[in-house]
Amino acid sequence: MTIEINGTSELDSAANSLLSFAGANRIFVFYGDMGAGKTTFIKSICSTLGIAETVSSPTFSIVNEYQGSGQTIYHFDFYRIKSIQEAYDIGYEEYFYSGNICLVEWPEKIQELLPSPRVEIKITTVDENKRILELTNV
């Protein structure tokens, strides 16, 4: 599935489309260049899911936990990890196999650890305001 986003006003609609597309999948992995809008889109997804607290990239902590609407959401950013061992050290499997929603930035750093089923979201920057999202169930 492909979604075109023209400006931030369309993020909530895109988040709803993604969640509908995902069905029962709980693992979402986000591919895109630095500045493509991964964290911005994740903020919209969390808002759509009823998260009221501030959502920010866990660049240094690797994982943030959000609570809302009776659910737990884990938000990962693997950009700064130097080795796959760091994912093992944080206990990635406890998060990924918890049944909770996991939103993963920079999944290419831990590609061999990613569970299936999952939804892969590739974000391509067209210009300052326009993004193309390619959604795939894997």
C-alpha atoms as a PDB file:
ATOM      1  CA  MET A   1       0.000   0.000   0.000  1.00  0.00           C
ATOM      2  CA  THR A   2       1.245   3.504  -0.769  1.00  0.00           C
ATOM      3  CA  ILE A   3       0.228   6.658   1.108  1.00  0.00           C
ATOM      4  CA  GLU A   4       1.113  10.161  -0.006  1.00  0.00           C
ATOM      5  CA  ILE A   5       1.406  12.804   2.714  1.00  0.00           C
ATOM      6  CA  ASN A   6       1.310  16.483   1.740  1.00  0.00           C
ATOM      7  CA  GLY A   7       2.078  18.361   4.942  1.00  0.00           C
ATOM      8  CA  THR A   8       1.614  17.635   8.615  1.00  0.00           C
ATOM      9  CA  SER A   9      -2.165  18.088   8.436  1.00  0.00           C
ATOM     10  CA  GLU A  10      -2.369  14.675   6.731  1.00  0.00           C
ATOM     11  CA  LEU A  11      -0.367  12.751   9.351  1.00  0.00           C
ATOM     12  CA  ASP A  12      -3.341  11.644  11.461  1.00  0.00           C
ATOM     13  CA  SER A  13      -5.139  10.299   8.404  1.00  0.00           C
ATOM     14  CA  ALA A  14      -1.963   8.450   7.376  1.00  0.00           C
ATOM     15  CA  ALA A  15      -1.619   7.026  10.901  1.00  0.00           C
ATOM     16  CA  ASN A  16      -5.196   5.719  10.763  1.00  0.00           C
ATOM     17  CA  SER A  17      -4.539   4.186   7.346  1.00  0.00           C
ATOM     18  CA  LEU A  18      -1.396   2.488   8.645  1.00  0.00           C
ATOM     19  CA  LEU A  19      -3.186   1.050  11.670  1.00  0.00           C
ATOM     20  CA  SER A  20      -6.020  -0.250   9.481  1.00  0.00           C
ATOM     21  CA  PHE A  21      -3.506  -1.775   7.058  1.00  0.00           C
ATOM     22  CA  ALA A  22      -1.628  -3.461   9.925  1.00  0.00           C
ATOM     23  CA  GLY A  23      -4.565  -5.449  11.199  1.00  0.00           C
ATOM     24  CA  ALA A  24      -3.324  -7.546  14.125  1.00  0.00           C
ATOM     25  CA  ASN A  25       0.379  -6.769  13.517  1.00  0.00           C
ATOM     26  CA  ARG A  26       2.009  -5.150  16.540  1.00  0.00           C
ATOM     27  CA  ILE A  27       5.528  -4.556  15.194  1.00  0.00           C
ATOM     28  CA  PHE A  28       6.122  -1.518  12.976  1.00  0.00           C
ATOM     29  CA  VAL A  29       9.549  -0.789  11.493  1.00  0.00           C
ATOM     30  CA  PHE A  30      10.347   2.560   9.892  1.00  0.00           C
ATOM     31  CA  TYR A  31      12.929   2.984   7.146  1.00  0.00           C
ATOM     32  CA  GLY A  32      13.961   6.385   5.846  1.00  0.00           C
ATOM     33  CA  ASP A  33      16.833   8.796   5.639  1.00  0.00           C
ATOM     34  CA  MET A  34      17.741  11.104   8.494  1.00  0.00           C
ATOM     35  CA  GLY A  35      15.086  13.829   8.572  1.00  0.00           C
ATOM     36  CA  ALA A  36      12.545  11.831   6.534  1.00  0.00           C
ATOM     37  CA  GLY A  37       9.953  12.185   9.298  1.00  0.00           C
ATOM     38  CA  LYS A  38      10.056   8.841  11.103  1.00  0.00           C
ATOM     39  CA  THR A  39       9.720  10.334  14.590  1.00  0.00           C
ATOM     40  CA  THR A  40       7.132  12.881  13.448  1.00  0.00           C
ATOM     41  CA  PHE A  41       4.994  10.101  11.984  1.00  0.00           C
ATOM     42  CA  ILE A  42       5.434   7.986  15.129  1.00  0.00           C
ATOM     43  CA  LYS A  43       4.195  10.939  17.216  1.00  0.00           C
ATOM     44  CA  SER A  44       1.035  10.988  15.107  1.00  0.00           C
ATOM     45  CA  ILE A  45       0.584   7.221  15.446  1.00  0.00           C
ATOM     46  CA  CYS A  46       0.906   7.481  19.228  1.00  0.00           C
ATOM     47  CA  SER A  47      -1.595  10.341  19.331  1.00  0.00           C
ATOM     48  CA  THR A  48      -4.022   8.284  17.230  1.00  0.00           C
ATOM     49  CA  LEU A  49      -3.578   5.426  19.727  1.00  0.00           C
ATOM     50  CA  GLY A  50      -4.484   7.695  22.651  1.00  0.00           C
ATOM     51  CA  ILE A  51      -1.027   8.497  24.013  1.00  0.00           C
ATOM     52  CA  ALA A  52      -1.255  11.891  25.724  1.00  0.00           C
ATOM     53  CA  GLU A  53       2.309  12.103  27.034  1.00  0.00           C
ATOM     54  CA  THR A  54       5.155  13.669  25.071  1.00  0.00           C
ATOM     55  CA  VAL A  55       6.533  11.355  22.414  1.00  0.00           C
ATOM     56  CA  SER A  56      10.192  11.868  21.553  1.00  0.00           C
ATOM     57  CA  SER A  57      12.892   9.880  19.834  1.00  0.00           C
ATOM     58  CA  PRO A  58      14.750   7.549  22.214  1.00  0.00           C
ATOM     59  CA  THR A  59      18.037   8.234  20.423  1.00  0.00           C
ATOM     60  CA  PHE A  60      20.146   7.887  23.571  1.00  0.00           C
ATOM     61  CA  SER A  61      17.974   5.610  25.711  1.00  0.00           C
ATOM     62  CA  ILE A  62      17.238   3.267  22.747  1.00  0.00           C
ATOM     63  CA  VAL A  63      13.666   2.619  23.957  1.00  0.00           C
ATOM     64  CA  ASN A  64      10.870   4.783  25.370  1.00  0.00           C
ATOM     65  CA  GLU A  65       7.704   3.390  26.909  1.00  0.00           C
ATOM     66  CA  TYR A  66       4.365   5.158  26.558  1.00  0.00           C
ATOM     67  CA  GLN A  67       1.126   4.351  28.395  1.00  0.00           C
ATOM     68  CA  GLY A  68      -2.329   5.289  27.212  1.00  0.00           C
ATOM     69  CA  SER A  69      -5.798   3.952  26.502  1.00  0.00           C
ATOM     70  CA  GLY A  70      -5.037   0.790  28.449  1.00  0.00           C
ATOM     71  CA  GLN A  71      -2.030  -0.153  26.351  1.00  0.00           C
ATOM     72  CA  THR A  72       1.741   0.034  26.363  1.00  0.00           C
ATOM     73  CA  ILE A  73       3.679   1.214  23.335  1.00  0.00           C
ATOM     74  CA  TYR A  74       7.429   0.773  22.943  1.00  0.00           C
ATOM     75  CA  HIS A  75       9.337   3.210  20.733  1.00  0.00           C
ATOM     76  CA  PHE A  76      12.857   2.217  19.664  1.00  0.00           C
ATOM     77  CA  ASP A  77      15.638   4.145  17.966  1.00  0.00           C
ATOM     78  CA  PHE A  78      18.600   1.957  17.036  1.00  0.00           C
ATOM     79  CA  TYR A  79      20.498   4.699  15.183  1.00  0.00           C
ATOM     80  CA  ARG A  80      23.314   4.974  17.724  1.00  0.00           C
ATOM     81  CA  ILE A  81      23.930   1.301  18.483  1.00  0.00           C
ATOM     82  CA  LYS A  82      27.377   0.091  17.546  1.00  0.00           C
ATOM     83  CA  SER A  83      26.687  -3.651  17.581  1.00  0.00           C
ATOM     84  CA  ILE A  84      23.785  -6.095  17.611  1.00  0.00           C
ATOM     85  CA  GLN A  85      24.834  -7.015  21.162  1.00  0.00           C
ATOM     86  CA  GLU A  86      23.352  -3.724  22.396  1.00  0.00           C
ATOM     87  CA  ALA A  87      19.903  -4.907  21.268  1.00  0.00           C
ATOM     88  CA  TYR A  88      20.441  -8.144  23.193  1.00  0.00           C
ATOM     89  CA  ASP A  89      21.590  -6.125  26.216  1.00  0.00           C
ATOM     90  CA  ILE A  90      18.341  -4.146  26.408  1.00  0.00           C
ATOM     91  CA  GLY A  91      16.351  -7.390  26.170  1.00  0.00           C
ATOM     92  CA  TYR A  92      14.799  -6.634  22.788  1.00  0.00           C
ATOM     93  CA  GLU A  93      12.931  -9.972  22.733  1.00  0.00           C
ATOM     94  CA  GLU A  94      10.971  -9.093  25.873  1.00  0.00           C
ATOM     95  CA  TYR A  95       9.650  -6.016  24.067  1.00  0.00           C
ATOM     96  CA  PHE A  96       9.148  -7.492  20.583  1.00  0.00           C
ATOM     97  CA  TYR A  97       7.345 -10.603  21.871  1.00  0.00           C
ATOM     98  CA  SER A  98       5.321  -8.846  24.600  1.00  0.00           C
ATOM     99  CA  GLY A  99       2.221  -8.455  22.445  1.00  0.00           C
ATOM    100  CA  ASN A 100       2.486  -4.685  22.803  1.00  0.00           C
ATOM    101  CA  ILE A 101       2.929  -2.271  19.922  1.00  0.00           C
ATOM    102  CA  CYS A 102       6.584  -1.711  19.010  1.00  0.00           C
ATOM    103  CA  LEU A 103       7.578   1.226  16.808  1.00  0.00           C
ATOM    104  CA  VAL A 104      11.154   0.797  15.555  1.00  0.00           C
ATOM    105  CA  GLU A 105      13.330   3.474  13.976  1.00  0.00           C
ATOM    106  CA  TRP A 106      16.541   2.422  12.175  1.00  0.00           C
ATOM    107  CA  PRO A 107      15.590  -1.276  12.032  1.00  0.00           C
ATOM    108  CA  GLU A 108      18.344  -1.935   9.490  1.00  0.00           C
ATOM    109  CA  LYS A 109      20.760  -1.892  12.457  1.00  0.00           C
ATOM    110  CA  ILE A 110      19.062  -5.034  13.864  1.00  0.00           C
ATOM    111  CA  GLN A 111      17.581  -6.531  10.702  1.00  0.00           C
ATOM    112  CA  GLU A 112      18.313 -10.147  11.675  1.00  0.00           C
ATOM    113  CA  LEU A 113      16.428  -9.724  14.978  1.00  0.00           C
ATOM    114  CA  LEU A 114      13.178  -8.384  13.515  1.00  0.00           C
ATOM    115  CA  PRO A 115      10.222 -10.688  14.095  1.00  0.00           C
ATOM    116  CA  SER A 116       7.535 -11.602  11.599  1.00  0.00           C
ATOM    117  CA  PRO A 117       4.825 -10.692  11.181  1.00  0.00           C
ATOM    118  CA  ARG A 118       5.597  -6.993  11.073  1.00  0.00           C
ATOM    119  CA  VAL A 119       4.708  -3.927   9.049  1.00  0.00           C
ATOM    120  CA  GLU A 120       7.539  -2.227   7.199  1.00  0.00           C
ATOM    121  CA  ILE A 121       7.109   1.461   6.461  1.00  0.00           C
ATOM    122  CA  LYS A 122       9.511   3.033   3.963  1.00  0.00           C
ATOM    123  CA  ILE A 123       9.389   6.834   4.048  1.00  0.00           C
ATOM    124  CA  THR A 124      10.666   8.657   0.979  1.00  0.00           C
ATOM    125  CA  THR A 125      11.119  12.431   0.977  1.00  0.00           C
ATOM    126  CA  VAL A 126       9.796  14.083  -2.177  1.00  0.00           C
ATOM    127  CA  ASP A 127      10.199  17.676  -1.001  1.00  0.00           C
ATOM    128  CA  GLU A 128      10.026  19.713   2.205  1.00  0.00           C
ATOM    129  CA  ASN A 129       6.341  18.899   2.798  1.00  0.00           C
ATOM    130  CA  LYS A 130       5.664  15.774   0.764  1.00  0.00           C
ATOM    131  CA  ARG A 131       6.428  12.185   1.784  1.00  0.00           C
ATOM    132  CA  ILE A 132       5.583   8.856   0.211  1.00  0.00           C
ATOM    133  CA  LEU A 133       4.946   5.940   2.594  1.00  0.00           C
ATOM    134  CA  GLU A 134       5.245   2.419   1.254  1.00  0.00           C
ATOM    135  CA  LEU A 135       3.608  -0.107   3.598  1.00  0.00           C
ATOM    136  CA  THR A 136       4.356  -3.816   3.461  1.00  0.00           C
ATOM    137  CA  ASN A 137       3.226  -6.697   5.678  1.00  0.00           C
ATOM    138  CA  VAL A 138       6.196  -9.029   6.176  1.00  0.00           C
END
